[in-house]
Amino acid sequence: MGWNSWNRFGPFVSERLVLETADALVESGMRDAGYRYVVVDDAWHESARNDDGDLVENRWAFPRGMRNLADEIH
């Protein structure tokens, strides 16, 4: 089981909100109840792609990048 950012924050997701939610999953006992995933759905990226056609992280909402976010949650 897991938690999906879109269901709570829609397009207004951010690094801070995801980290706070991940902490709340642990503190509330939801992790122990089987919640294992934190899914950052849409809106983590800019609207434009890079020159290779890849999605680009939204540096305003995720200033330390998605890799750092994942590392901190784990």
PDB file of N, CA and C in Angstrom:
ATOM      1  N   MET A   1       0.848  -1.174   0.000  1.00  0.00           N
ATOM      2  CA  MET A   1       0.000   0.000   0.000  1.00  0.00           C
ATOM      3  C   MET A   1       0.887   1.228   0.000  1.00  0.00           C
ATOM      4  N   GLY A   2       0.280   2.352  -0.378  1.00  0.00           N
ATOM      5  CA  GLY A   2       1.063   3.568  -0.417  1.00  0.00           C
ATOM      6  C   GLY A   2       0.213   4.814  -0.397  1.00  0.00           C
ATOM      7  N   TRP A   3       0.898   5.930  -0.453  1.00  0.00           N
ATOM      8  CA  TRP A   3       0.285   7.253  -0.445  1.00  0.00           C
ATOM      9  C   TRP A   3       0.649   7.935  -1.748  1.00  0.00           C
ATOM     10  N   ASN A   4      -0.302   8.655  -2.358  1.00  0.00           N
ATOM     11  CA  ASN A   4      -0.086   9.342  -3.625  1.00  0.00           C
ATOM     12  C   ASN A   4      -0.285  10.837  -3.429  1.00  0.00           C
ATOM     13  N   SER A   5       0.691  11.621  -3.834  1.00  0.00           N
ATOM     14  CA  SER A   5       0.663  13.070  -3.608  1.00  0.00           C
ATOM     15  C   SER A   5      -0.524  13.762  -4.270  1.00  0.00           C
ATOM     16  N   TRP A   6      -0.944  13.270  -5.425  1.00  0.00           N
ATOM     17  CA  TRP A   6      -2.014  13.957  -6.152  1.00  0.00           C
ATOM     18  C   TRP A   6      -3.320  13.956  -5.362  1.00  0.00           C
ATOM     19  N   ASN A   7      -3.587  12.878  -4.652  1.00  0.00           N
ATOM     20  CA  ASN A   7      -4.844  12.776  -3.904  1.00  0.00           C
ATOM     21  C   ASN A   7      -4.967  13.842  -2.825  1.00  0.00           C
ATOM     22  N   ARG A   8      -3.869  14.336  -2.334  1.00  0.00           N
ATOM     23  CA  ARG A   8      -3.905  15.352  -1.271  1.00  0.00           C
ATOM     24  C   ARG A   8      -3.547  16.752  -1.763  1.00  0.00           C
ATOM     25  N   PHE A   9      -2.507  16.847  -2.583  1.00  0.00           N
ATOM     26  CA  PHE A   9      -1.975  18.161  -2.948  1.00  0.00           C
ATOM     27  C   PHE A   9      -2.217  18.563  -4.396  1.00  0.00           C
ATOM     28  N   GLY A  10      -2.676  17.645  -5.233  1.00  0.00           N
ATOM     29  CA  GLY A  10      -2.880  17.974  -6.638  1.00  0.00           C
ATOM     30  C   GLY A  10      -1.604  18.539  -7.238  1.00  0.00           C
ATOM     31  N   PRO A  11      -1.713  19.637  -7.995  1.00  0.00           N
ATOM     32  CA  PRO A  11      -0.525  20.199  -8.641  1.00  0.00           C
ATOM     33  C   PRO A  11       0.331  21.062  -7.719  1.00  0.00           C
ATOM     34  N   PHE A  12       0.008  21.110  -6.453  1.00  0.00           N
ATOM     35  CA  PHE A  12       0.715  21.995  -5.512  1.00  0.00           C
ATOM     36  C   PHE A  12       1.647  21.221  -4.583  1.00  0.00           C
ATOM     37  N   VAL A  13       2.232  20.158  -5.078  1.00  0.00           N
ATOM     38  CA  VAL A  13       3.126  19.309  -4.292  1.00  0.00           C
ATOM     39  C   VAL A  13       4.506  19.966  -4.184  1.00  0.00           C
ATOM     40  N   SER A  14       5.194  19.684  -3.094  1.00  0.00           N
ATOM     41  CA  SER A  14       6.551  20.218  -2.913  1.00  0.00           C
ATOM     42  C   SER A  14       7.375  19.244  -2.073  1.00  0.00           C
ATOM     43  N   GLU A  15       8.670  19.461  -2.092  1.00  0.00           N
ATOM     44  CA  GLU A  15       9.576  18.644  -1.285  1.00  0.00           C
ATOM     45  C   GLU A  15       9.179  18.674   0.188  1.00  0.00           C
ATOM     46  N   ARG A  16       8.919  19.846   0.694  1.00  0.00           N
ATOM     47  CA  ARG A  16       8.556  19.991   2.110  1.00  0.00           C
ATOM     48  C   ARG A  16       7.296  19.193   2.437  1.00  0.00           C
ATOM     49  N   LEU A  17       6.268  19.300   1.591  1.00  0.00           N
ATOM     50  CA  LEU A  17       5.016  18.593   1.849  1.00  0.00           C
ATOM     51  C   LEU A  17       5.195  17.076   1.788  1.00  0.00           C
ATOM     52  N   VAL A  18       5.986  16.608   0.850  1.00  0.00           N
ATOM     53  CA  VAL A  18       6.216  15.164   0.740  1.00  0.00           C
ATOM     54  C   VAL A  18       6.981  14.653   1.956  1.00  0.00           C
ATOM     55  N   LEU A  19       8.009  15.378   2.384  1.00  0.00           N
ATOM     56  CA  LEU A  19       8.775  14.954   3.558  1.00  0.00           C
ATOM     57  C   LEU A  19       7.911  14.959   4.819  1.00  0.00           C
ATOM     58  N   GLU A  20       7.097  15.990   4.978  1.00  0.00           N
ATOM     59  CA  GLU A  20       6.201  16.045   6.141  1.00  0.00           C
ATOM     60  C   GLU A  20       5.217  14.874   6.124  1.00  0.00           C
ATOM     61  N   THR A  21       4.710  14.552   4.953  1.00  0.00           N
ATOM     62  CA  THR A  21       3.759  13.450   4.838  1.00  0.00           C
ATOM     63  C   THR A  21       4.433  12.111   5.113  1.00  0.00           C
ATOM     64  N   ALA A  22       5.634  11.920   4.599  1.00  0.00           N
ATOM     65  CA  ALA A  22       6.363  10.675   4.860  1.00  0.00           C
ATOM     66  C   ALA A  22       6.609  10.508   6.360  1.00  0.00           C
ATOM     67  N   ASP A  23       6.988  11.580   7.024  1.00  0.00           N
ATOM     68  CA  ASP A  23       7.169  11.523   8.480  1.00  0.00           C
ATOM     69  C   ASP A  23       5.858  11.175   9.181  1.00  0.00           C
ATOM     70  N   ALA A  24       4.761  11.760   8.714  1.00  0.00           N
ATOM     71  CA  ALA A  24       3.456  11.502   9.326  1.00  0.00           C
ATOM     72  C   ALA A  24       3.030  10.045   9.138  1.00  0.00           C
ATOM     73  N   LEU A  25       3.376   9.449   7.997  1.00  0.00           N
ATOM     74  CA  LEU A  25       3.053   8.035   7.778  1.00  0.00           C
ATOM     75  C   LEU A  25       3.733   7.154   8.819  1.00  0.00           C
ATOM     76  N   VAL A  26       4.956   7.498   9.162  1.00  0.00           N
ATOM     77  CA  VAL A  26       5.688   6.729  10.171  1.00  0.00           C
ATOM     78  C   VAL A  26       5.118   6.999  11.555  1.00  0.00           C
ATOM     79  N   GLU A  27       4.977   8.277  11.895  1.00  0.00           N
ATOM     80  CA  GLU A  27       4.532   8.663  13.239  1.00  0.00           C
ATOM     81  C   GLU A  27       3.123   8.189  13.561  1.00  0.00           C
ATOM     82  N   SER A  28       2.267   8.122  12.555  1.00  0.00           N
ATOM     83  CA  SER A  28       0.875   7.721  12.788  1.00  0.00           C
ATOM     84  C   SER A  28       0.682   6.208  12.831  1.00  0.00           C
ATOM     85  N   GLY A  29       1.734   5.463  12.500  1.00  0.00           N
ATOM     86  CA  GLY A  29       1.624   4.014  12.493  1.00  0.00           C
ATOM     87  C   GLY A  29       1.205   3.423  11.159  1.00  0.00           C
ATOM     88  N   MET A  30       1.015   4.266  10.153  1.00  0.00           N
ATOM     89  CA  MET A  30       0.589   3.748   8.855  1.00  0.00           C
ATOM     90  C   MET A  30       1.667   2.880   8.202  1.00  0.00           C
ATOM     91  N   ARG A  31       2.931   3.225   8.409  1.00  0.00           N
ATOM     92  CA  ARG A  31       4.001   2.377   7.871  1.00  0.00           C
ATOM     93  C   ARG A  31       3.899   0.976   8.467  1.00  0.00           C
ATOM     94  N   ASP A  32       3.705   0.909   9.771  1.00  0.00           N
ATOM     95  CA  ASP A  32       3.590  -0.389  10.432  1.00  0.00           C
ATOM     96  C   ASP A  32       2.340  -1.146   9.997  1.00  0.00           C
ATOM     97  N   ALA A  33       1.340  -0.422   9.511  1.00  0.00           N
ATOM     98  CA  ALA A  33       0.105  -1.046   9.035  1.00  0.00           C
ATOM     99  C   ALA A  33       0.220  -1.510   7.580  1.00  0.00           C
ATOM    100  N   GLY A  34       1.373  -1.252   6.942  1.00  0.00           N
ATOM    101  CA  GLY A  34       1.574  -1.748   5.586  1.00  0.00           C
ATOM    102  C   GLY A  34       1.785  -0.706   4.514  1.00  0.00           C
ATOM    103  N   TYR A  35       1.709   0.564   4.857  1.00  0.00           N
ATOM    104  CA  TYR A  35       1.957   1.605   3.859  1.00  0.00           C
ATOM    105  C   TYR A  35       3.459   1.694   3.627  1.00  0.00           C
ATOM    106  N   ARG A  36       3.889   1.327   2.424  1.00  0.00           N
ATOM    107  CA  ARG A  36       5.315   1.241   2.116  1.00  0.00           C
ATOM    108  C   ARG A  36       5.771   2.223   1.046  1.00  0.00           C
ATOM    109  N   TYR A  37       4.850   2.831   0.336  1.00  0.00           N
ATOM    110  CA  TYR A  37       5.216   3.660  -0.809  1.00  0.00           C
ATOM    111  C   TYR A  37       4.756   5.097  -0.633  1.00  0.00           C
ATOM    112  N   VAL A  38       5.607   6.012  -1.062  1.00  0.00           N
ATOM    113  CA  VAL A  38       5.266   7.429  -1.168  1.00  0.00           C
ATOM    114  C   VAL A  38       5.437   7.767  -2.643  1.00  0.00           C
ATOM    115  N   VAL A  39       4.336   8.041  -3.318  1.00  0.00           N
ATOM    116  CA  VAL A  39       4.360   8.307  -4.752  1.00  0.00           C
ATOM    117  C   VAL A  39       4.191   9.805  -4.987  1.00  0.00           C
ATOM    118  N   VAL A  40       5.171  10.399  -5.638  1.00  0.00           N
ATOM    119  CA  VAL A  40       5.052  11.796  -6.052  1.00  0.00           C
ATOM    120  C   VAL A  40       4.510  11.749  -7.474  1.00  0.00           C
ATOM    121  N   ASP A  41       3.256  12.077  -7.609  1.00  0.00           N
ATOM    122  CA  ASP A  41       2.563  11.976  -8.886  1.00  0.00           C
ATOM    123  C   ASP A  41       2.930  13.172  -9.763  1.00  0.00           C
ATOM    124  N   ASP A  42       2.017  13.639 -10.522  1.00  0.00           N
ATOM    125  CA  ASP A  42       2.247  14.732 -11.462  1.00  0.00           C
ATOM    126  C   ASP A  42       2.669  16.009 -10.738  1.00  0.00           C
ATOM    127  N   ALA A  43       3.197  16.953 -11.478  1.00  0.00           N
ATOM    128  CA  ALA A  43       3.557  18.301 -11.022  1.00  0.00           C
ATOM    129  C   ALA A  43       4.897  18.371 -10.300  1.00  0.00           C
ATOM    130  N   TRP A  44       5.695  17.331 -10.358  1.00  0.00           N
ATOM    131  CA  TRP A  44       7.051  17.387  -9.791  1.00  0.00           C
ATOM    132  C   TRP A  44       8.032  17.964 -10.805  1.00  0.00           C
ATOM    133  N   HIS A  45       7.567  18.140 -12.032  1.00  0.00           N
ATOM    134  CA  HIS A  45       8.444  18.561 -13.125  1.00  0.00           C
ATOM    135  C   HIS A  45       7.984  19.882 -13.733  1.00  0.00           C
ATOM    136  N   GLU A  46       8.884  20.490 -14.478  1.00  0.00           N
ATOM    137  CA  GLU A  46       8.568  21.713 -15.221  1.00  0.00           C
ATOM    138  C   GLU A  46       7.660  21.357 -16.394  1.00  0.00           C
ATOM    139  N   SER A  47       7.046  22.366 -16.997  1.00  0.00           N
ATOM    140  CA  SER A  47       6.188  22.090 -18.147  1.00  0.00           C
ATOM    141  C   SER A  47       7.005  21.839 -19.412  1.00  0.00           C
ATOM    142  N   ALA A  48       8.214  22.396 -19.486  1.00  0.00           N
ATOM    143  CA  ALA A  48       9.084  22.190 -20.645  1.00  0.00           C
ATOM    144  C   ALA A  48      10.063  21.049 -20.366  1.00  0.00           C
ATOM    145  N   ARG A  49      10.497  20.405 -21.425  1.00  0.00           N
ATOM    146  CA  ARG A  49      11.484  19.330 -21.313  1.00  0.00           C
ATOM    147  C   ARG A  49      12.872  19.852 -21.687  1.00  0.00           C
ATOM    148  N   ASN A  50      13.895  19.088 -21.353  1.00  0.00           N
ATOM    149  CA  ASN A  50      15.247  19.505 -21.722  1.00  0.00           C
ATOM    150  C   ASN A  50      15.502  19.197 -23.198  1.00  0.00           C
ATOM    151  N   ASP A  51      16.698  19.483 -23.669  1.00  0.00           N
ATOM    152  CA  ASP A  51      17.028  19.295 -25.084  1.00  0.00           C
ATOM    153  C   ASP A  51      16.956  17.838 -25.529  1.00  0.00           C
ATOM    154  N   ASP A  52      17.079  16.911 -24.591  1.00  0.00           N
ATOM    155  CA  ASP A  52      16.975  15.487 -24.918  1.00  0.00           C
ATOM    156  C   ASP A  52      15.541  14.976 -24.856  1.00  0.00           C
ATOM    157  N   GLY A  53      14.606  15.849 -24.487  1.00  0.00           N
ATOM    158  CA  GLY A  53      13.208  15.455 -24.388  1.00  0.00           C
ATOM    159  C   GLY A  53      12.810  14.880 -23.042  1.00  0.00           C
ATOM    160  N   ASP A  54      13.729  14.928 -22.079  1.00  0.00           N
ATOM    161  CA  ASP A  54      13.447  14.393 -20.745  1.00  0.00           C
ATOM    162  C   ASP A  54      12.729  15.422 -19.878  1.00  0.00           C
ATOM    163  N   LEU A  55      11.940  14.926 -18.938  1.00  0.00           N
ATOM    164  CA  LEU A  55      11.311  15.810 -17.963  1.00  0.00           C
ATOM    165  C   LEU A  55      12.383  16.462 -17.104  1.00  0.00           C
ATOM    166  N   VAL A  56      12.125  17.695 -16.687  1.00  0.00           N
ATOM    167  CA  VAL A  56      13.062  18.459 -15.867  1.00  0.00           C
ATOM    168  C   VAL A  56      12.413  18.709 -14.515  1.00  0.00           C
ATOM    169  N   GLU A  57      13.143  18.428 -13.447  1.00  0.00           N
ATOM    170  CA  GLU A  57      12.612  18.638 -12.098  1.00  0.00           C
ATOM    171  C   GLU A  57      12.230  20.094 -11.884  1.00  0.00           C
ATOM    172  N   ASN A  58      11.161  20.293 -11.156  1.00  0.00           N
ATOM    173  CA  ASN A  58      10.748  21.635 -10.765  1.00  0.00           C
ATOM    174  C   ASN A  58      11.635  22.061  -9.600  1.00  0.00           C
ATOM    175  N   ARG A  59      12.620  22.888  -9.871  1.00  0.00           N
ATOM    176  CA  ARG A  59      13.597  23.275  -8.849  1.00  0.00           C
ATOM    177  C   ARG A  59      13.017  24.240  -7.820  1.00  0.00           C
ATOM    178  N   TRP A  60      11.883  24.838  -8.108  1.00  0.00           N
ATOM    179  CA  TRP A  60      11.236  25.697  -7.112  1.00  0.00           C
ATOM    180  C   TRP A  60      10.573  24.827  -6.047  1.00  0.00           C
ATOM    181  N   ALA A  61       9.856  23.798  -6.487  1.00  0.00           N
ATOM    182  CA  ALA A  61       9.131  22.925  -5.556  1.00  0.00           C
ATOM    183  C   ALA A  61      10.034  21.854  -4.943  1.00  0.00           C
ATOM    184  N   PHE A  62      11.057  21.438  -5.681  1.00  0.00           N
ATOM    185  CA  PHE A  62      11.974  20.393  -5.223  1.00  0.00           C
ATOM    186  C   PHE A  62      13.410  20.892  -5.372  1.00  0.00           C
ATOM    187  N   PRO A  63      13.802  21.843  -4.547  1.00  0.00           N
ATOM    188  CA  PRO A  63      15.099  22.514  -4.729  1.00  0.00           C
ATOM    189  C   PRO A  63      16.311  21.595  -4.607  1.00  0.00           C
ATOM    190  N   ARG A  64      16.193  20.508  -3.883  1.00  0.00           N
ATOM    191  CA  ARG A  64      17.338  19.594  -3.727  1.00  0.00           C
ATOM    192  C   ARG A  64      17.271  18.420  -4.696  1.00  0.00           C
ATOM    193  N   GLY A  65      16.230  18.383  -5.520  1.00  0.00           N
ATOM    194  CA  GLY A  65      16.103  17.334  -6.526  1.00  0.00           C
ATOM    195  C   GLY A  65      15.405  16.088  -6.011  1.00  0.00           C
ATOM    196  N   MET A  66      14.923  15.304  -6.952  1.00  0.00           N
ATOM    197  CA  MET A  66      14.161  14.105  -6.615  1.00  0.00           C
ATOM    198  C   MET A  66      15.040  13.019  -5.994  1.00  0.00           C
ATOM    199  N   ARG A  67      16.274  12.917  -6.424  1.00  0.00           N
ATOM    200  CA  ARG A  67      17.173  11.903  -5.853  1.00  0.00           C
ATOM    201  C   ARG A  67      17.367  12.147  -4.358  1.00  0.00           C
ATOM    202  N   ASN A  68      17.602  13.401  -3.982  1.00  0.00           N
ATOM    203  CA  ASN A  68      17.776  13.717  -2.565  1.00  0.00           C
ATOM    204  C   ASN A  68      16.497  13.467  -1.777  1.00  0.00           C
ATOM    205  N   LEU A  69      15.358  13.763  -2.375  1.00  0.00           N
ATOM    206  CA  LEU A  69      14.082  13.501  -1.708  1.00  0.00           C
ATOM    207  C   LEU A  69      13.930  12.002  -1.429  1.00  0.00           C
ATOM    208  N   ALA A  70      14.179  11.192  -2.439  1.00  0.00           N
ATOM    209  CA  ALA A  70      14.070   9.739  -2.261  1.00  0.00           C
ATOM    210  C   ALA A  70      15.055   9.232  -1.212  1.00  0.00           C
ATOM    211  N   ASP A  71      16.273   9.734  -1.262  1.00  0.00           N
ATOM    212  CA  ASP A  71      17.276   9.309  -0.278  1.00  0.00           C
ATOM    213  C   ASP A  71      16.850   9.671   1.139  1.00  0.00           C
ATOM    214  N   GLU A  72      16.286  10.854   1.319  1.00  0.00           N
ATOM    215  CA  GLU A  72      15.877  11.276   2.664  1.00  0.00           C
ATOM    216  C   GLU A  72      14.700  10.449   3.183  1.00  0.00           C
ATOM    217  N   ILE A  73      13.777  10.114   2.316  1.00  0.00           N
ATOM    218  CA  ILE A  73      12.625   9.315   2.736  1.00  0.00           C
ATOM    219  C   ILE A  73      13.064   7.908   3.130  1.00  0.00           C
ATOM    220  N   HIS A  74      14.015   7.367   2.423  1.00  0.00           N
ATOM    221  CA  HIS A  74      14.475   6.006   2.732  1.00  0.00           C
ATOM    222  C   HIS A  74      15.358   6.026   3.945  1.00  0.00           C
TER     223      HIS A  74
END
